[in-house]
Amino acid sequence: MQLPYRKDVSLQHRRLESWLPEPVEQEDWVTVFHVYADASGKLSNSDYTSFCGYVAHVSEWQSFTFEWENCRFKWQVPPIHMSAIMHPENHPEWLKVKTQWGAEWEAKRDAMLLDLAATVGRAAIVCVGAVVDAGHFRKIAEADPDFKSLFKDTMYLALHTVVKQGIEKTEVLDRHSPISLVLDDDQEYSIMCYKLLQAMKRDDPKVKERIHSLAFVNDESFPGVQAADVAAYESRRLMVEEMKNPNTPPSQLLQLLTLGLTHQPLHYTPAYLDQMQADMRAAKGVKP
């Protein structure tokens, strides 16, 4: 015979269970990820090609967008374009801001960028990307047809790194969910990026499996692309400085953008590119 107190305990247990959250099932948490990315040094004759972005679950992008836009509202500034911010004389909207801030322009500009980067630091978004020494890449590619055939060009290498890192970062949660790639709608390189992605899908089954869509958007309406632009610019700046002085420390801005360099974009330095060529030749049995 069951004792009365056991009925009470069972009832109490059921009441407690009703307050506990249900475990998250795979079908309940729609695992769709977006990678927002942008490039710095897009021209074919650029010395460096930087292509960086951020990957996150679709639910995180909405909250990040609100925080980024609220930060811009606080500072009363236009959408973020690093080239415009660093050269406001060529961009009326930013020239107006520079004029309004007067002698405090540089101090306020740097403080604003750090404030925006802090929104990145607080968000559950992960930096991906690469900076390529384009001059050295071209030098190797001109002398080595196999290297050029495999790695194509600097935009392919940098974008491929964005895509592969984006896929790898999501695999801590899910290995099969679709990923959307969202890029700035820049007439100069939109078609090129589309063709490069199609080539990646032919070359890499994982890319074909995971990247389900590609979109080109007006970056003024998408903070994820604006944040990627800042990361690409600052990552490129660091690599340029490191080529002059290898001991150049990363800026506070870059540290905020990369979770304290936990997710720092990959630098394809001359030494790194040379090693890639050596590894490629070794794989083919070619003696150095």
Protein backbone atom coordinates (compact mmCIF):
# COMPACT_ATOMS: atom_id res chain seq x y z
CA MET A 1 0.00 0.00 0.00
CA GLN A 2 1.41 3.39 -1.03
CA LEU A 3 1.85 5.81 1.84
CA PRO A 4 -0.02 9.14 1.67
CA TYR A 5 3.16 11.27 1.88
CA ARG A 6 4.45 9.66 -1.29
CA LYS A 7 1.43 11.00 -3.15
CA ASP A 8 2.20 14.46 -1.80
CA VAL A 9 5.84 14.20 -2.82
CA SER A 10 4.89 12.98 -6.28
CA LEU A 11 2.45 15.86 -6.68
CA GLN A 12 5.03 18.36 -5.47
CA HIS A 13 7.59 16.89 -7.87
CA ARG A 14 5.18 17.24 -10.78
CA ARG A 15 4.53 20.87 -9.82
CA LEU A 16 8.26 21.58 -9.70
CA GLU A 17 8.79 19.92 -13.06
CA SER A 18 6.14 22.16 -14.59
CA TRP A 19 8.36 25.16 -13.81
CA LEU A 20 11.48 23.68 -15.36
CA PRO A 21 12.37 24.62 -18.93
CA GLU A 22 11.97 21.96 -21.55
CA PRO A 23 15.23 20.69 -23.07
CA VAL A 24 15.96 22.23 -26.44
CA GLU A 25 15.24 19.77 -29.20
CA GLN A 26 16.91 20.01 -32.60
CA GLU A 27 13.66 20.87 -34.33
CA ASP A 28 12.77 23.54 -31.74
CA TRP A 29 15.94 25.61 -32.24
CA VAL A 30 16.00 26.43 -35.93
CA THR A 31 19.69 26.21 -36.70
CA VAL A 32 20.12 28.69 -39.49
CA PHE A 33 23.30 30.75 -39.54
CA HIS A 34 24.21 33.90 -41.42
CA VAL A 35 27.70 35.04 -42.35
CA TYR A 36 27.92 38.77 -43.04
CA ALA A 37 31.17 39.68 -44.80
CA ASP A 38 32.92 42.52 -46.57
CA ALA A 39 36.28 43.13 -48.22
CA SER A 40 38.98 45.77 -48.04
CA GLY A 41 41.47 46.03 -50.90
CA LYS A 42 39.13 44.63 -53.56
CA LEU A 43 41.03 45.93 -56.57
CA SER A 44 43.05 43.39 -58.53
CA ASN A 45 46.20 45.49 -58.14
CA SER A 46 45.85 46.04 -54.37
CA ASP A 47 48.88 45.20 -52.25
CA TYR A 48 46.68 43.43 -49.68
CA THR A 49 43.30 41.74 -49.88
CA SER A 50 41.29 41.60 -46.67
CA PHE A 51 37.98 39.73 -46.52
CA CYS A 52 36.40 39.43 -43.07
CA GLY A 53 33.01 38.72 -41.63
CA TYR A 54 30.95 37.55 -38.70
CA VAL A 55 28.98 34.34 -38.29
CA ALA A 56 26.09 33.90 -35.87
CA HIS A 57 22.78 32.19 -35.40
CA VAL A 58 19.93 34.06 -37.06
CA SER A 59 18.41 34.91 -33.66
CA GLU A 60 21.54 36.80 -32.59
CA TRP A 61 21.66 39.01 -35.65
CA GLN A 62 18.42 40.74 -34.74
CA SER A 63 19.58 41.77 -31.26
CA PHE A 64 23.00 42.80 -32.60
CA THR A 65 21.34 44.96 -35.25
CA PHE A 66 19.32 46.80 -32.61
CA GLU A 67 22.39 47.45 -30.46
CA TRP A 68 24.58 48.60 -33.36
CA GLU A 69 21.91 50.98 -34.65
CA ASN A 70 21.27 52.33 -31.17
CA CYS A 71 24.98 53.04 -30.86
CA ARG A 72 24.95 54.92 -34.16
CA PHE A 73 21.92 56.85 -32.92
CA LYS A 74 23.75 57.83 -29.75
CA TRP A 75 26.69 59.20 -31.74
CA GLN A 76 24.42 60.60 -34.48
CA VAL A 77 26.56 59.23 -37.31
CA PRO A 78 25.83 57.77 -40.77
CA PRO A 79 26.22 54.06 -41.57
CA ILE A 80 29.75 52.87 -40.93
CA HIS A 81 32.20 52.77 -43.84
CA MET A 82 35.82 52.76 -42.76
CA SER A 83 37.10 54.30 -45.99
CA ALA A 84 34.65 57.19 -45.53
CA ILE A 85 35.51 57.61 -41.86
CA MET A 86 39.24 57.68 -42.48
CA HIS A 87 38.88 59.94 -45.54
CA PRO A 88 35.83 62.10 -44.80
CA GLU A 89 36.92 64.77 -47.29
CA ASN A 90 35.63 62.46 -50.05
CA HIS A 91 32.31 61.66 -48.36
CA PRO A 92 29.88 64.53 -47.61
CA GLU A 93 28.01 62.77 -44.78
CA TRP A 94 31.19 62.07 -42.84
CA LEU A 95 32.70 65.45 -43.71
CA LYS A 96 29.65 66.98 -42.04
CA VAL A 97 30.33 64.92 -38.89
CA LYS A 98 34.00 65.91 -38.93
CA THR A 99 33.06 69.57 -39.25
CA GLN A 100 30.58 69.33 -36.38
CA TRP A 101 33.12 67.65 -34.09
CA GLY A 102 35.82 70.12 -35.03
CA ALA A 103 39.04 69.84 -33.04
CA GLU A 104 37.66 66.74 -31.27
CA TRP A 105 37.20 64.85 -34.54
CA GLU A 106 39.95 62.27 -34.13
CA ALA A 107 39.29 61.65 -30.43
CA LYS A 108 35.54 61.29 -30.94
CA ARG A 109 36.02 59.19 -34.08
CA ASP A 110 38.22 56.70 -32.23
CA ALA A 111 35.88 56.63 -29.22
CA MET A 112 32.89 56.01 -31.50
CA LEU A 113 34.64 53.10 -33.23
CA LEU A 114 35.55 51.56 -29.88
CA ASP A 115 31.95 51.95 -28.75
CA LEU A 116 30.68 50.20 -31.86
CA ALA A 117 33.32 47.49 -31.48
CA ALA A 118 32.13 46.97 -27.92
CA THR A 119 28.71 46.00 -29.30
CA VAL A 120 30.51 43.33 -31.32
CA GLY A 121 32.35 42.21 -28.20
CA ARG A 122 29.09 41.81 -26.28
CA ALA A 123 27.34 39.93 -29.06
CA ALA A 124 27.41 36.19 -29.68
CA ILE A 125 28.95 36.65 -33.11
CA VAL A 126 32.29 35.22 -34.22
CA CYS A 127 34.84 36.89 -36.49
CA VAL A 128 36.13 34.98 -39.53
CA GLY A 129 38.30 35.95 -42.46
CA ALA A 130 41.74 36.53 -43.88
CA VAL A 131 44.23 39.11 -45.09
CA VAL A 132 46.38 38.12 -48.05
CA ASP A 133 49.67 39.65 -49.14
CA ALA A 134 48.41 40.09 -52.69
CA GLY A 135 51.73 41.17 -54.13
CA HIS A 136 53.51 38.04 -52.95
CA PHE A 137 50.58 35.85 -53.99
CA ARG A 138 50.76 37.23 -57.54
CA LYS A 139 54.51 36.68 -57.59
CA ILE A 140 54.11 32.98 -56.75
CA ALA A 141 51.12 32.50 -59.05
CA GLU A 142 52.94 33.99 -62.04
CA ALA A 143 55.83 31.56 -61.59
CA ASP A 144 53.81 28.49 -60.56
CA PRO A 145 50.79 27.54 -62.72
CA ASP A 146 49.81 24.77 -60.30
CA PHE A 147 49.63 27.23 -57.42
CA LYS A 148 47.47 29.57 -59.49
CA SER A 149 45.22 26.72 -60.58
CA LEU A 150 44.68 25.57 -57.00
CA PHE A 151 44.29 28.90 -55.21
CA LYS A 152 43.15 30.99 -58.21
CA ASP A 153 43.48 34.56 -56.87
CA THR A 154 43.58 36.51 -53.63
CA MET A 155 39.83 37.13 -53.52
CA TYR A 156 39.17 33.41 -53.94
CA LEU A 157 41.63 32.54 -51.17
CA ALA A 158 40.27 35.16 -48.76
CA LEU A 159 36.59 34.41 -49.47
CA HIS A 160 37.24 30.67 -49.23
CA THR A 161 38.74 31.28 -45.78
CA VAL A 162 35.66 33.26 -44.72
CA VAL A 163 33.36 30.47 -45.89
CA LYS A 164 35.39 27.57 -44.46
CA GLN A 165 35.91 29.26 -41.10
CA GLY A 166 32.23 30.19 -41.00
CA ILE A 167 31.27 26.55 -41.51
CA GLU A 168 33.80 25.33 -38.94
CA LYS A 169 32.61 27.80 -36.29
CA THR A 170 29.00 26.62 -36.58
CA GLU A 171 29.97 22.98 -36.15
CA VAL A 172 30.33 23.42 -32.39
CA LEU A 173 26.52 23.49 -32.45
CA ASP A 174 25.45 21.88 -35.70
CA ARG A 175 27.13 20.19 -38.66
CA HIS A 176 24.34 20.18 -41.20
CA SER A 177 22.20 23.32 -40.90
CA PRO A 178 22.06 25.79 -43.77
CA ILE A 179 24.26 28.87 -43.82
CA SER A 180 23.54 32.05 -45.72
CA LEU A 181 26.36 34.23 -46.98
CA VAL A 182 25.52 37.95 -47.06
CA LEU A 183 27.85 40.38 -48.85
CA ASP A 184 27.92 44.06 -49.68
CA ASP A 185 26.22 44.80 -52.99
CA ASP A 186 29.29 46.31 -54.60
CA GLN A 187 29.06 46.33 -58.39
CA GLU A 188 32.82 45.99 -58.62
CA TYR A 189 32.98 42.53 -57.10
CA SER A 190 29.47 41.09 -56.64
CA ILE A 191 29.57 39.04 -59.83
CA MET A 192 33.12 37.95 -59.04
CA CYS A 193 32.09 36.73 -55.59
CA TYR A 194 29.17 34.80 -57.06
CA LYS A 195 31.50 33.07 -59.53
CA LEU A 196 34.07 32.39 -56.81
CA LEU A 197 31.44 30.78 -54.58
CA GLN A 198 30.25 28.58 -57.42
CA ALA A 199 33.86 27.47 -57.95
CA MET A 200 34.17 26.68 -54.23
CA LYS A 201 31.05 24.55 -54.37
CA ARG A 202 32.54 22.58 -57.25
CA ASP A 203 35.84 22.16 -55.43
CA ASP A 204 34.57 21.50 -51.91
CA PRO A 205 31.56 19.26 -51.09
CA LYS A 206 31.28 20.76 -47.60
CA VAL A 207 30.77 24.24 -49.03
CA LYS A 208 28.13 22.92 -51.42
CA GLU A 209 26.34 21.14 -48.56
CA ARG A 210 26.31 24.00 -46.06
CA ILE A 211 26.09 27.24 -48.05
CA HIS A 212 22.47 27.39 -49.15
CA SER A 213 22.16 31.00 -50.25
CA LEU A 214 24.13 34.05 -51.27
CA ALA A 215 22.72 37.55 -50.94
CA PHE A 216 24.04 40.96 -51.90
CA VAL A 217 22.68 43.78 -49.77
CA ASN A 218 22.97 47.51 -49.22
CA ASP A 219 25.43 47.64 -46.36
CA GLU A 220 23.83 50.85 -45.05
CA SER A 221 20.87 48.74 -43.90
CA PHE A 222 22.84 45.76 -42.56
CA PRO A 223 25.02 46.33 -39.48
CA GLY A 224 26.58 42.89 -39.90
CA VAL A 225 28.20 44.04 -43.14
CA GLN A 226 29.25 47.33 -41.53
CA ALA A 227 30.92 45.45 -38.67
CA ALA A 228 32.65 43.20 -41.21
CA ASP A 229 33.96 46.30 -42.99
CA VAL A 230 35.53 47.54 -39.75
CA ALA A 231 37.11 44.13 -39.10
CA ALA A 232 38.46 43.90 -42.65
CA TYR A 233 39.94 47.39 -42.50
CA GLU A 234 41.53 46.96 -39.09
CA SER A 235 42.89 43.48 -39.88
CA ARG A 236 44.43 44.79 -43.08
CA ARG A 237 45.94 47.74 -41.22
CA LEU A 238 47.57 45.41 -38.68
CA MET A 239 49.11 43.20 -41.36
CA VAL A 240 50.51 46.22 -43.20
CA GLU A 241 52.06 47.48 -39.96
CA GLU A 242 53.42 44.03 -39.07
CA MET A 243 55.21 43.87 -42.42
CA LYS A 244 57.11 47.00 -41.34
CA ASN A 245 57.51 45.92 -37.72
CA PRO A 246 56.69 42.31 -36.73
CA ASN A 247 56.32 43.40 -33.11
CA THR A 248 53.41 45.74 -33.84
CA PRO A 249 50.73 45.07 -31.21
CA PRO A 250 47.09 44.66 -32.25
CA SER A 251 44.92 47.67 -31.53
CA GLN A 252 42.28 47.81 -28.83
CA LEU A 253 39.76 48.11 -31.64
CA LEU A 254 40.84 44.81 -33.22
CA GLN A 255 40.83 43.07 -29.86
CA LEU A 256 37.22 44.11 -29.26
CA LEU A 257 36.29 42.96 -32.76
CA THR A 258 37.85 39.51 -32.31
CA LEU A 259 37.06 38.56 -28.72
CA GLY A 260 40.55 39.41 -27.53
CA LEU A 261 42.10 37.93 -30.72
CA THR A 262 40.38 34.58 -30.05
CA HIS A 263 38.91 34.83 -33.54
CA GLN A 264 41.56 36.88 -35.29
CA PRO A 265 41.47 36.68 -39.11
CA LEU A 266 44.19 34.58 -40.71
CA HIS A 267 47.20 36.43 -42.14
CA TYR A 268 48.53 34.98 -45.39
CA THR A 269 52.00 36.48 -45.07
CA PRO A 270 54.79 35.82 -47.61
CA ALA A 271 56.15 33.08 -45.33
CA TYR A 272 52.70 31.50 -45.00
CA LEU A 273 52.13 31.60 -48.77
CA ASP A 274 55.58 30.10 -49.40
CA GLN A 275 54.72 27.26 -47.03
CA MET A 276 51.42 26.69 -48.86
CA GLN A 277 53.34 26.35 -52.11
CA ALA A 278 55.85 23.96 -50.50
CA ASP A 279 53.03 21.84 -49.05
CA MET A 280 51.29 21.74 -52.42
CA ARG A 281 54.46 20.58 -54.16
CA ALA A 282 55.17 17.98 -51.48
CA ALA A 283 51.67 16.59 -51.87
CA LYS A 284 52.36 16.18 -55.59
CA GLY A 285 55.76 14.63 -54.96
CA VAL A 286 57.67 17.57 -56.40
CA LYS A 287 61.09 18.04 -54.88
CA PRO A 288 61.95 21.54 -53.58
